[in-house]
Amino acid sequence: MGQNDWGFDDWDYDNEAIQIKPKLLIKNADKHYAKYNVPFNKVWKDGKYYKTMAIENFGSGQQGSRIRNAVTGASYPHLVGKTDEDLYFKVIDSTGRYGKNAPLILFYDTPEQYENHRFTIVDTKTKERWYEKTLAARSRLLK
């Protein structure tokens, strides 16, 4: 890259910031997106102490909308309200802490993904029931 008449490189140093801004605008326009901090005041699995934790959620819509991964925001081909929901670990956040009246419906690939995302622990019986349910759902899909 060459220099322009003022001695600066032609490279746009703010290019990365410019690309990030549209992503933030898209997220903020998404009525199923929420980001907030929660008090934690504990040492987490990684051995580090955290006073607060930032949580970013990508919720799925109501019945008939496509299921979205709560962590990544990736859309799956399965629909909310169908038996395919059993392929995912479903959580409904009705705390309202993100300033919206409707509950946030969250889908995770596994209970462990939920634990790591929300900094919590799911009891063993719940995990066992979910794994049994998801195995049955996978078997139905293969038929």
C-alpha atoms as a PDB file:
ATOM      1  CA  MET A   1       0.000   0.000   0.000  1.00  0.00           C
ATOM      2  CA  GLY A   2       1.244   3.394  -0.870  1.00  0.00           C
ATOM      3  CA  GLN A   3       1.021   6.678   0.948  1.00  0.00           C
ATOM      4  CA  ASN A   4      -1.423   9.392  -0.057  1.00  0.00           C
ATOM      5  CA  ASP A   5      -0.639  13.137  -0.307  1.00  0.00           C
ATOM      6  CA  TRP A   6      -0.811  13.586   3.469  1.00  0.00           C
ATOM      7  CA  GLY A   7       1.740  10.879   4.284  1.00  0.00           C
ATOM      8  CA  PHE A   8      -0.773   8.352   5.565  1.00  0.00           C
ATOM      9  CA  ASP A   9      -1.083   4.830   4.270  1.00  0.00           C
ATOM     10  CA  ASP A  10      -4.023   4.100   1.983  1.00  0.00           C
ATOM     11  CA  TRP A  11      -5.072   1.378   4.432  1.00  0.00           C
ATOM     12  CA  ASP A  12      -8.243   2.199   6.350  1.00  0.00           C
ATOM     13  CA  TYR A  13      -7.298   1.494   9.971  1.00  0.00           C
ATOM     14  CA  ASP A  14     -10.905   1.816  11.105  1.00  0.00           C
ATOM     15  CA  ASN A  15     -12.044  -0.839   8.646  1.00  0.00           C
ATOM     16  CA  GLU A  16     -12.436  -3.440  11.413  1.00  0.00           C
ATOM     17  CA  ALA A  17     -14.525  -1.073  13.545  1.00  0.00           C
ATOM     18  CA  ILE A  18     -16.669  -0.201  10.530  1.00  0.00           C
ATOM     19  CA  GLN A  19     -17.373  -3.902   9.952  1.00  0.00           C
ATOM     20  CA  ILE A  20     -18.269  -4.502  13.597  1.00  0.00           C
ATOM     21  CA  LYS A  21     -20.827  -1.670  13.743  1.00  0.00           C
ATOM     22  CA  PRO A  22     -23.266  -3.224  11.220  1.00  0.00           C
ATOM     23  CA  LYS A  23     -23.118  -6.498  13.190  1.00  0.00           C
ATOM     24  CA  LEU A  24     -24.108  -4.616  16.350  1.00  0.00           C
ATOM     25  CA  LEU A  25     -26.943  -2.879  14.515  1.00  0.00           C
ATOM     26  CA  ILE A  26     -28.219  -6.217  13.230  1.00  0.00           C
ATOM     27  CA  LYS A  27     -28.015  -7.793  16.685  1.00  0.00           C
ATOM     28  CA  ASN A  28     -29.803  -4.866  18.308  1.00  0.00           C
ATOM     29  CA  ALA A  29     -32.575  -5.033  15.691  1.00  0.00           C
ATOM     30  CA  ASP A  30     -33.058  -8.752  16.397  1.00  0.00           C
ATOM     31  CA  LYS A  31     -35.920  -9.052  18.899  1.00  0.00           C
ATOM     32  CA  HIS A  32     -34.605 -12.477  19.975  1.00  0.00           C
ATOM     33  CA  TYR A  33     -31.088 -11.208  20.806  1.00  0.00           C
ATOM     34  CA  ALA A  34     -30.055 -10.202  24.311  1.00  0.00           C
ATOM     35  CA  LYS A  35     -26.777  -9.288  25.960  1.00  0.00           C
ATOM     36  CA  TYR A  36     -26.375  -8.516  29.639  1.00  0.00           C
ATOM     37  CA  ASN A  37     -24.049  -8.887  32.626  1.00  0.00           C
ATOM     38  CA  VAL A  38     -24.901 -11.019  35.621  1.00  0.00           C
ATOM     39  CA  PRO A  39     -23.200 -10.955  39.019  1.00  0.00           C
ATOM     40  CA  PHE A  40     -21.103 -14.072  39.526  1.00  0.00           C
ATOM     41  CA  ASN A  41     -18.461 -13.567  42.262  1.00  0.00           C
ATOM     42  CA  LYS A  42     -17.031 -17.078  41.940  1.00  0.00           C
ATOM     43  CA  VAL A  43     -14.201 -19.082  40.465  1.00  0.00           C
ATOM     44  CA  TRP A  44     -15.378 -20.812  37.274  1.00  0.00           C
ATOM     45  CA  LYS A  45     -14.249 -24.104  35.688  1.00  0.00           C
ATOM     46  CA  ASP A  46     -11.304 -22.366  34.044  1.00  0.00           C
ATOM     47  CA  GLY A  47      -9.877 -21.572  37.495  1.00  0.00           C
ATOM     48  CA  LYS A  48     -10.401 -17.802  37.149  1.00  0.00           C
ATOM     49  CA  TYR A  49     -12.402 -15.583  39.497  1.00  0.00           C
ATOM     50  CA  TYR A  50     -15.183 -13.569  37.848  1.00  0.00           C
ATOM     51  CA  LYS A  51     -17.039 -10.710  39.504  1.00  0.00           C
ATOM     52  CA  THR A  52     -19.577 -10.512  36.646  1.00  0.00           C
ATOM     53  CA  MET A  53     -20.227 -12.545  33.515  1.00  0.00           C
ATOM     54  CA  ALA A  54     -21.329 -11.155  30.165  1.00  0.00           C
ATOM     55  CA  ILE A  55     -23.926 -13.335  28.496  1.00  0.00           C
ATOM     56  CA  GLU A  56     -24.951 -12.949  24.866  1.00  0.00           C
ATOM     57  CA  ASN A  57     -28.074 -14.901  23.833  1.00  0.00           C
ATOM     58  CA  PHE A  58     -29.547 -15.661  20.440  1.00  0.00           C
ATOM     59  CA  GLY A  59     -33.112 -16.762  21.031  1.00  0.00           C
ATOM     60  CA  SER A  60     -35.475 -18.567  18.716  1.00  0.00           C
ATOM     61  CA  GLY A  61     -38.887 -17.200  17.865  1.00  0.00           C
ATOM     62  CA  GLN A  62     -42.265 -18.647  18.692  1.00  0.00           C
ATOM     63  CA  GLN A  63     -43.833 -21.806  17.263  1.00  0.00           C
ATOM     64  CA  GLY A  64     -43.071 -22.328  13.568  1.00  0.00           C
ATOM     65  CA  SER A  65     -39.851 -20.299  13.484  1.00  0.00           C
ATOM     66  CA  ARG A  66     -36.474 -21.904  12.855  1.00  0.00           C
ATOM     67  CA  ILE A  67     -34.456 -23.121  15.824  1.00  0.00           C
ATOM     68  CA  ARG A  68     -31.336 -21.056  16.467  1.00  0.00           C
ATOM     69  CA  ASN A  69     -28.301 -21.937  18.536  1.00  0.00           C
ATOM     70  CA  ALA A  70     -28.353 -19.751  21.656  1.00  0.00           C
ATOM     71  CA  VAL A  71     -24.563 -19.342  21.681  1.00  0.00           C
ATOM     72  CA  THR A  72     -23.693 -18.842  18.009  1.00  0.00           C
ATOM     73  CA  GLY A  73     -26.951 -17.581  16.517  1.00  0.00           C
ATOM     74  CA  ALA A  74     -26.710 -20.213  13.767  1.00  0.00           C
ATOM     75  CA  SER A  75     -30.094 -21.267  12.370  1.00  0.00           C
ATOM     76  CA  TYR A  76     -30.969 -24.926  12.132  1.00  0.00           C
ATOM     77  CA  PRO A  77     -33.438 -26.478   9.674  1.00  0.00           C
ATOM     78  CA  HIS A  78     -35.707 -27.625  12.526  1.00  0.00           C
ATOM     79  CA  LEU A  79     -38.746 -25.679  13.698  1.00  0.00           C
ATOM     80  CA  VAL A  80     -39.843 -24.503  17.130  1.00  0.00           C
ATOM     81  CA  GLY A  81     -42.863 -26.466  18.299  1.00  0.00           C
ATOM     82  CA  LYS A  82     -42.121 -29.618  16.289  1.00  0.00           C
ATOM     83  CA  THR A  83     -40.844 -32.927  17.669  1.00  0.00           C
ATOM     84  CA  ASP A  84     -37.407 -31.981  16.280  1.00  0.00           C
ATOM     85  CA  GLU A  85     -37.071 -29.749  19.355  1.00  0.00           C
ATOM     86  CA  ASP A  86     -36.102 -32.933  21.189  1.00  0.00           C
ATOM     87  CA  LEU A  87     -32.740 -32.815  19.374  1.00  0.00           C
ATOM     88  CA  TYR A  88     -31.793 -29.748  21.430  1.00  0.00           C
ATOM     89  CA  PHE A  89     -31.552 -28.730  25.068  1.00  0.00           C
ATOM     90  CA  LYS A  90     -34.307 -26.118  25.445  1.00  0.00           C
ATOM     91  CA  VAL A  91     -34.321 -23.342  28.040  1.00  0.00           C
ATOM     92  CA  ILE A  92     -36.820 -20.525  28.440  1.00  0.00           C
ATOM     93  CA  ASP A  93     -35.440 -17.339  29.988  1.00  0.00           C
ATOM     94  CA  SER A  94     -38.358 -15.423  31.436  1.00  0.00           C
ATOM     95  CA  THR A  95     -36.313 -13.155  33.711  1.00  0.00           C
ATOM     96  CA  GLY A  96     -36.917 -10.058  31.567  1.00  0.00           C
ATOM     97  CA  ARG A  97     -33.416  -8.833  32.405  1.00  0.00           C
ATOM     98  CA  TYR A  98     -32.821  -7.874  28.783  1.00  0.00           C
ATOM     99  CA  GLY A  99     -35.676  -5.364  28.837  1.00  0.00           C
ATOM    100  CA  LYS A 100     -38.176  -7.311  26.750  1.00  0.00           C
ATOM    101  CA  ASN A 101     -41.586  -8.552  27.856  1.00  0.00           C
ATOM    102  CA  ALA A 102     -41.613 -11.868  25.967  1.00  0.00           C
ATOM    103  CA  PRO A 103     -39.574 -14.808  27.263  1.00  0.00           C
ATOM    104  CA  LEU A 104     -36.441 -15.739  25.342  1.00  0.00           C
ATOM    105  CA  ILE A 105     -36.540 -19.325  23.990  1.00  0.00           C
ATOM    106  CA  LEU A 106     -33.023 -20.729  23.867  1.00  0.00           C
ATOM    107  CA  PHE A 107     -31.816 -23.928  22.199  1.00  0.00           C
ATOM    108  CA  TYR A 108     -28.454 -25.538  22.925  1.00  0.00           C
ATOM    109  CA  ASP A 109     -26.748 -28.513  21.284  1.00  0.00           C
ATOM    110  CA  THR A 110     -26.241 -30.155  24.694  1.00  0.00           C
ATOM    111  CA  PRO A 111     -26.803 -29.425  28.382  1.00  0.00           C
ATOM    112  CA  GLU A 112     -23.030 -28.883  28.671  1.00  0.00           C
ATOM    113  CA  GLN A 113     -23.176 -26.117  26.076  1.00  0.00           C
ATOM    114  CA  TYR A 114     -25.875 -24.483  28.199  1.00  0.00           C
ATOM    115  CA  GLU A 115     -23.750 -24.847  31.347  1.00  0.00           C
ATOM    116  CA  ASN A 116     -20.740 -23.209  29.719  1.00  0.00           C
ATOM    117  CA  HIS A 117     -22.791 -20.426  28.167  1.00  0.00           C
ATOM    118  CA  ARG A 118     -24.847 -19.512  31.219  1.00  0.00           C
ATOM    119  CA  PHE A 119     -22.242 -20.348  33.882  1.00  0.00           C
ATOM    120  CA  THR A 120     -24.419 -22.808  35.714  1.00  0.00           C
ATOM    121  CA  ILE A 121     -24.618 -26.520  36.483  1.00  0.00           C
ATOM    122  CA  VAL A 122     -27.361 -28.861  35.229  1.00  0.00           C
ATOM    123  CA  ASP A 123     -28.110 -31.795  37.536  1.00  0.00           C
ATOM    124  CA  THR A 124     -27.182 -35.292  36.356  1.00  0.00           C
ATOM    125  CA  LYS A 125     -30.777 -36.597  36.225  1.00  0.00           C
ATOM    126  CA  THR A 126     -31.822 -33.777  33.894  1.00  0.00           C
ATOM    127  CA  LYS A 127     -28.865 -34.527  31.622  1.00  0.00           C
ATOM    128  CA  GLU A 128     -29.663 -38.253  31.585  1.00  0.00           C
ATOM    129  CA  ARG A 129     -33.325 -37.590  30.701  1.00  0.00           C
ATOM    130  CA  TRP A 130     -32.253 -35.206  27.931  1.00  0.00           C
ATOM    131  CA  TYR A 131     -29.774 -37.689  26.449  1.00  0.00           C
ATOM    132  CA  GLU A 132     -32.467 -40.412  26.421  1.00  0.00           C
ATOM    133  CA  LYS A 133     -34.942 -38.026  24.781  1.00  0.00           C
ATOM    134  CA  THR A 134     -32.475 -36.840  22.142  1.00  0.00           C
ATOM    135  CA  LEU A 135     -31.426 -40.403  21.273  1.00  0.00           C
ATOM    136  CA  ALA A 136     -35.095 -41.277  20.701  1.00  0.00           C
ATOM    137  CA  ALA A 137     -35.504 -38.158  18.523  1.00  0.00           C
ATOM    138  CA  ARG A 138     -32.434 -39.110  16.449  1.00  0.00           C
ATOM    139  CA  SER A 139     -33.828 -42.616  15.998  1.00  0.00           C
ATOM    140  CA  ARG A 140     -37.128 -41.141  14.711  1.00  0.00           C
ATOM    141  CA  LEU A 141     -35.217 -39.052  12.162  1.00  0.00           C
ATOM    142  CA  LEU A 142     -33.366 -42.090  10.831  1.00  0.00           C
ATOM    143  CA  LYS A 143     -36.583 -44.043  10.139  1.00  0.00           C
END
